[in-house]
Protein backbone atom coordinates (compact mmCIF):
# COMPACT_ATOMS: atom_id res chain seq x y z
CA MET A 1 46.38 1.96 -30.03
CA TYR A 2 48.26 -0.91 -30.93
CA SER A 3 48.54 -2.51 -34.38
CA HIS A 4 47.90 -6.21 -34.69
CA THR A 5 48.37 -9.13 -37.60
CA LYS A 6 47.52 -12.33 -38.02
CA LYS A 7 50.21 -13.41 -37.45
CA VAL A 8 50.82 -11.90 -33.98
CA GLY A 9 47.26 -10.76 -33.11
CA SER A 10 47.21 -9.65 -29.97
CA THR A 11 50.42 -9.38 -28.51
CA GLY A 12 51.56 -7.03 -31.92
CA ARG A 13 51.53 -4.47 -28.95
CA TYR A 14 54.32 -5.22 -28.19
CA GLY A 15 56.56 -4.80 -30.99
CA SER A 16 60.08 -6.44 -31.37
CA ARG A 17 61.06 -5.52 -27.83
CA MET A 18 59.79 -9.50 -27.11
CA GLY A 19 61.01 -12.06 -28.36
CA THR A 20 58.89 -15.00 -30.75
CA ARG A 21 58.07 -17.30 -27.86
CA MET A 22 57.35 -14.67 -25.37
CA ARG A 23 54.39 -13.84 -27.04
CA SER A 24 53.12 -16.49 -28.84
CA ALA A 25 52.60 -18.09 -24.98
CA ILE A 26 51.09 -14.88 -24.01
CA ARG A 27 49.43 -14.82 -27.04
CA LYS A 28 47.78 -18.04 -26.48
CA ILE A 29 46.78 -16.99 -23.15
CA GLU A 30 45.20 -14.65 -23.75
CA ASP A 31 43.27 -15.46 -26.46
CA GLU A 32 41.96 -18.36 -24.41
CA SER A 33 40.91 -15.69 -21.69
CA LYS A 34 39.26 -13.18 -23.89
CA SER A 35 37.36 -16.23 -25.25
CA PRO A 36 33.76 -17.21 -24.08
CA HIS A 37 33.34 -20.08 -21.39
CA LYS A 38 30.87 -22.36 -20.08
CA CYS A 39 28.70 -21.54 -17.10
CA PRO A 40 28.51 -24.05 -14.39
CA GLU A 41 25.18 -22.92 -13.89
CA CYS A 42 23.63 -22.45 -16.55
CA GLY A 43 25.15 -24.22 -19.30
CA ARG A 44 25.28 -21.06 -21.68
CA GLU A 45 29.02 -19.93 -23.38
CA ARG A 46 28.37 -16.18 -21.88
CA VAL A 47 31.08 -17.11 -18.84
CA LYS A 48 33.96 -14.02 -18.87
CA ARG A 49 36.91 -12.51 -16.81
CA ARG A 50 36.11 -9.87 -15.18
CA VAL A 51 39.42 -9.49 -13.63
CA ALA A 52 42.20 -11.54 -12.42
CA GLY A 53 40.28 -14.31 -10.81
CA ILE A 54 36.90 -13.11 -10.72
CA TRP A 55 34.02 -14.48 -14.05
CA ARG A 56 30.43 -14.12 -14.48
CA CYS A 57 27.92 -15.41 -16.12
CA SER A 58 26.18 -12.61 -18.71
CA SER A 59 23.19 -14.82 -18.72
CA CYS A 60 22.11 -15.42 -15.61
CA GLY A 61 24.54 -13.26 -13.90
CA LEU A 62 26.71 -16.38 -11.66
CA GLU A 63 29.88 -14.53 -10.14
CA PHE A 64 32.02 -16.87 -8.91
CA ALA A 65 36.45 -17.75 -8.28
CA GLY A 66 38.34 -19.41 -11.35
CA GLY A 67 41.67 -19.21 -12.40
CA ALA A 68 43.15 -16.57 -13.46
CA TYR A 69 43.52 -17.46 -16.91
CA MET A 70 40.79 -20.18 -17.19
CA PRO A 71 37.62 -20.72 -14.84
């Protein structure tokens, strides 16, 4: 397992192998893609990313294609 802190978040798994700017850009993308999004069908914030470009609402079961990191 990797360790992370409040400062580096989920990108702590890269350690010193990547630069600060690259890690901050990756952290921003990961935080946005992993947060719940609003469903276009039912309007609830239950949409999660399944794989790159495929999004699914856990409330109504709607599955749709969208962006790789944001629906």
